[in-house]
């Protein structure tokens, strides 16, 4: 390998390594309105339909402790919003996108199993998703017009007022899952014949000897 070839190879490897570690050293994760994700080390320009997630040095999302604006804080205190969803649910994705685009702070609960479905039935009189609750108002199924008007009545702003470093809490199962401890191994009782010692064999008397 010539010195020039070795130099080009080293340069190409360095570029590849930079591309691999770029997300790790980035300070912000940007999620666009179309779901496209980019990373940057500079604070991005504010956009109502864009979610900005600060990152720690290990690449994990940093916790946000920025207080909500007064308008949002009053709405969330009076009429908290919860989205009930499931995996592979296109209407759930549409509802989630509406909430994120409008900048609604919400809690998301997943319907993963029969226990979750039963809990959803008690809450909404239905087993279908999505379900949106705004305070005590229950909206079954996704209807953009109904969701928007209900959020309007709850005094949520039409455009996002979320702080730039707001971090949406991850979705969690509707019902808490309790870890089941493994059952101890059972010991089969042994038969009495196996536990009782065998009777001693009677010794055969030998010839008697007299002195």
Protein backbone atom coordinates (compact mmCIF):
# COMPACT_ATOMS: atom_id res chain seq x y z
CA UNK A 1 0.00 0.00 0.00
CA UNK A 2 1.42 3.38 -1.05
CA UNK A 3 1.54 6.30 1.43
CA UNK A 4 -1.14 8.11 -0.61
CA UNK A 5 -3.47 5.09 -0.51
CA UNK A 6 -2.94 4.67 3.23
CA UNK A 7 -3.75 8.36 3.76
CA UNK A 8 -7.03 8.07 1.81
CA UNK A 9 -7.97 4.92 3.72
CA UNK A 10 -7.32 6.58 7.08
CA UNK A 11 -9.35 9.63 6.06
CA UNK A 12 -12.30 7.47 4.96
CA UNK A 13 -12.25 5.54 8.23
CA UNK A 14 -12.20 8.79 10.20
CA UNK A 15 -15.25 10.08 8.32
CA UNK A 16 -17.08 6.83 9.01
CA UNK A 17 -16.35 7.05 12.72
CA UNK A 18 -17.56 10.64 12.83
CA UNK A 19 -20.83 9.57 11.24
CA UNK A 20 -21.27 6.82 13.82
CA UNK A 21 -20.68 8.99 16.89
CA UNK A 22 -22.50 12.09 15.64
CA UNK A 23 -25.81 11.27 17.40
CA UNK A 24 -23.91 10.49 20.60
CA UNK A 25 -22.21 13.91 20.74
CA UNK A 26 -25.26 15.85 19.55
CA UNK A 27 -27.01 18.03 22.10
CA UNK A 28 -30.46 18.07 20.50
CA UNK A 29 -32.75 15.58 18.77
CA UNK A 30 -35.19 17.19 16.36
CA UNK A 31 -38.42 15.39 15.41
CA UNK A 32 -40.12 17.09 12.48
CA UNK A 33 -43.88 17.12 11.81
CA UNK A 34 -43.38 14.25 9.33
CA UNK A 35 -41.51 12.16 11.93
CA UNK A 36 -38.08 12.78 10.38
CA UNK A 37 -35.35 12.77 13.05
CA UNK A 38 -32.15 14.83 12.92
CA UNK A 39 -29.41 15.55 15.45
CA UNK A 40 -27.58 18.82 16.04
CA UNK A 41 -25.23 20.39 18.56
CA UNK A 42 -26.79 23.85 18.22
CA UNK A 43 -30.16 25.05 19.55
CA UNK A 44 -32.56 24.89 16.59
CA UNK A 45 -34.97 27.61 15.58
CA UNK A 46 -38.37 27.29 17.25
CA UNK A 47 -41.15 25.78 15.14
CA UNK A 48 -44.68 24.99 16.39
CA UNK A 49 -44.85 21.56 14.74
CA UNK A 50 -41.30 20.47 15.62
CA UNK A 51 -40.34 18.65 18.80
CA UNK A 52 -36.94 19.48 20.27
CA UNK A 53 -35.50 16.91 22.68
CA UNK A 54 -32.33 17.82 24.62
CA UNK A 55 -29.84 14.96 24.91
CA UNK A 56 -27.36 13.94 27.57
CA UNK A 57 -23.81 12.95 26.70
CA UNK A 58 -24.81 9.28 26.54
CA UNK A 59 -27.46 10.08 23.91
CA UNK A 60 -30.46 9.62 26.22
CA UNK A 61 -33.14 12.29 26.44
CA UNK A 62 -32.45 14.83 29.14
CA UNK A 63 -35.17 15.49 31.68
CA UNK A 64 -37.07 18.71 31.16
CA UNK A 65 -37.82 20.82 34.20
CA UNK A 66 -38.96 23.89 32.31
CA UNK A 67 -42.35 25.06 33.63
CA UNK A 68 -45.26 25.20 31.24
CA UNK A 69 -46.64 28.60 30.27
CA UNK A 70 -49.56 29.79 32.39
CA UNK A 71 -52.12 29.12 29.66
CA UNK A 72 -51.02 25.50 29.29
CA UNK A 73 -50.58 24.97 33.02
CA UNK A 74 -54.14 26.07 33.75
CA UNK A 75 -55.56 23.84 31.02
CA UNK A 76 -53.61 20.74 32.07
CA UNK A 77 -54.55 21.24 35.73
CA UNK A 78 -58.26 21.50 34.96
CA UNK A 79 -58.53 19.13 31.99
CA UNK A 80 -55.61 16.67 31.81
CA UNK A 81 -55.32 14.84 28.50
CA UNK A 82 -54.70 11.09 28.22
CA UNK A 83 -54.37 9.07 25.02
CA UNK A 84 -55.15 5.36 25.11
CA UNK A 85 -53.51 3.59 22.18
CA UNK A 86 -52.13 0.30 20.92
CA UNK A 87 -49.34 -0.88 18.65
CA UNK A 88 -49.94 -0.99 14.87
CA UNK A 89 -52.90 1.40 15.15
CA UNK A 90 -53.04 3.98 12.35
CA UNK A 91 -55.83 6.07 13.98
CA UNK A 92 -53.74 6.13 17.18
CA UNK A 93 -50.82 7.51 15.17
CA UNK A 94 -53.06 10.19 13.69
CA UNK A 95 -54.35 11.19 17.12
CA UNK A 96 -50.84 11.30 18.58
CA UNK A 97 -49.67 13.46 15.68
CA UNK A 98 -52.53 15.90 16.27
CA UNK A 99 -51.64 16.27 19.94
CA UNK A 100 -47.96 16.76 19.21
CA UNK A 101 -48.55 19.24 16.39
CA UNK A 102 -50.89 21.31 18.55
CA UNK A 103 -48.46 21.13 21.48
CA UNK A 104 -50.76 19.37 23.95
CA UNK A 105 -49.05 17.93 27.06
CA UNK A 106 -50.56 14.47 27.39
CA UNK A 107 -50.13 11.08 29.01
CA UNK A 108 -50.18 7.96 26.85
CA UNK A 109 -51.37 4.56 28.06
CA UNK A 110 -50.92 1.40 25.99
CA UNK A 111 -53.42 -1.42 25.62
CA UNK A 112 -51.19 -4.50 25.42
CA UNK A 113 -53.19 -7.40 26.87
CA UNK A 114 -56.57 -8.53 28.22
CA UNK A 115 -56.02 -6.80 31.57
CA UNK A 116 -55.45 -3.48 29.78
CA UNK A 117 -58.53 -4.06 27.59
CA UNK A 118 -60.70 -4.73 30.64
CA UNK A 119 -59.44 -1.55 32.31
CA UNK A 120 -60.18 0.42 29.12
CA UNK A 121 -63.70 -1.07 29.01
CA UNK A 122 -64.39 0.12 32.56
CA UNK A 123 -63.06 3.56 31.72
CA UNK A 124 -64.67 4.17 28.33
CA UNK A 125 -67.36 1.48 27.87
CA UNK A 126 -65.40 0.28 24.83
CA UNK A 127 -62.46 -1.94 23.95
CA UNK A 128 -61.46 -0.06 20.81
CA UNK A 129 -58.60 2.43 20.46
CA UNK A 130 -57.79 5.22 20.27
CA UNK A 131 -59.59 6.76 23.20
CA UNK A 132 -58.89 10.33 24.28
CA UNK A 133 -59.91 11.75 27.66
CA UNK A 134 -59.90 15.49 28.23
CA UNK A 135 -60.74 15.92 31.88
CA UNK A 136 -63.86 13.77 32.31
CA UNK A 137 -64.81 13.95 28.62
CA UNK A 138 -64.27 10.61 26.83
CA UNK A 139 -63.82 10.55 23.04
CA UNK A 140 -63.92 7.09 21.43
CA UNK A 141 -62.17 6.69 18.11
CA UNK A 142 -60.23 9.33 16.21
CA UNK A 143 -62.18 12.26 14.80
CA UNK A 144 -60.02 15.31 14.16
CA UNK A 145 -62.97 17.69 14.33
CA UNK A 146 -64.22 16.27 17.65
CA UNK A 147 -60.76 16.21 19.22
CA UNK A 148 -59.99 19.76 18.11
CA UNK A 149 -63.30 21.17 19.36
CA UNK A 150 -62.97 19.41 22.72
CA UNK A 151 -59.45 20.76 23.18
CA UNK A 152 -60.78 24.22 22.24
CA UNK A 153 -63.47 23.98 24.93
CA UNK A 154 -60.79 22.97 27.45
CA UNK A 155 -58.93 26.23 26.62
CA UNK A 156 -55.88 24.59 25.09
CA UNK A 157 -54.10 26.95 22.68
CA UNK A 158 -54.51 26.26 18.97
CA UNK A 159 -50.74 26.55 18.37
CA UNK A 160 -47.97 24.96 20.39
CA UNK A 161 -46.86 26.85 23.48
CA UNK A 162 -44.60 24.09 24.77
CA UNK A 163 -41.10 25.05 25.91
CA UNK A 164 -38.40 24.16 23.42
CA UNK A 165 -36.84 21.67 25.83
CA UNK A 166 -40.11 19.93 26.71
CA UNK A 167 -39.77 16.13 26.73
CA UNK A 168 -42.84 13.98 26.18
CA UNK A 169 -43.09 11.18 28.76
CA UNK A 170 -42.86 7.69 27.21
CA UNK A 171 -46.01 5.62 26.87
CA UNK A 172 -46.72 3.04 29.58
CA UNK A 173 -49.11 0.11 29.98
CA UNK A 174 -52.56 0.99 31.30
CA UNK A 175 -52.41 -1.59 34.09
CA UNK A 176 -49.26 -2.13 36.16
CA UNK A 177 -47.58 -5.44 35.54
CA UNK A 178 -46.58 -7.38 38.65
CA UNK A 179 -43.66 -9.73 38.34
CA UNK A 180 -44.63 -13.26 39.32
CA UNK A 181 -42.09 -15.02 41.49
CA UNK A 182 -41.20 -18.51 40.30
CA UNK A 183 -42.91 -21.28 42.20
CA UNK A 184 -40.61 -23.37 44.38
CA UNK A 185 -39.86 -26.83 43.11
CA UNK A 186 -42.08 -29.47 44.70
CA UNK A 187 -40.54 -32.54 46.28
CA UNK A 188 -42.38 -35.73 45.53
CA UNK A 189 -43.06 -37.76 48.71
CA UNK A 190 -41.25 -41.02 48.79
CA UNK A 191 -43.01 -44.29 49.50
CA UNK A 192 -42.78 -45.71 53.02
CA UNK A 193 -41.05 -48.77 51.65
CA UNK A 194 -38.24 -46.59 50.35
CA UNK A 195 -37.77 -44.75 53.64
CA UNK A 196 -38.02 -47.61 56.13
CA UNK A 197 -34.83 -49.58 56.62
CA UNK A 198 -34.90 -53.15 55.41
CA UNK A 199 -35.35 -55.71 58.19
CA UNK A 200 -32.09 -57.26 59.35
CA UNK A 201 -31.48 -60.77 58.15
CA UNK A 202 -31.56 -63.36 60.95
CA UNK A 203 -28.18 -64.91 61.46
CA UNK A 204 -28.03 -68.67 61.08
CA UNK A 205 -26.78 -70.14 64.32
CA UNK A 206 -23.57 -72.09 63.97
CA UNK A 207 -22.76 -75.35 65.74
CA UNK A 208 -22.83 -74.99 69.49
CA UNK A 209 -19.47 -75.56 71.18
CA UNK A 210 -19.10 -76.76 74.76
CA UNK A 211 -15.97 -76.65 76.95
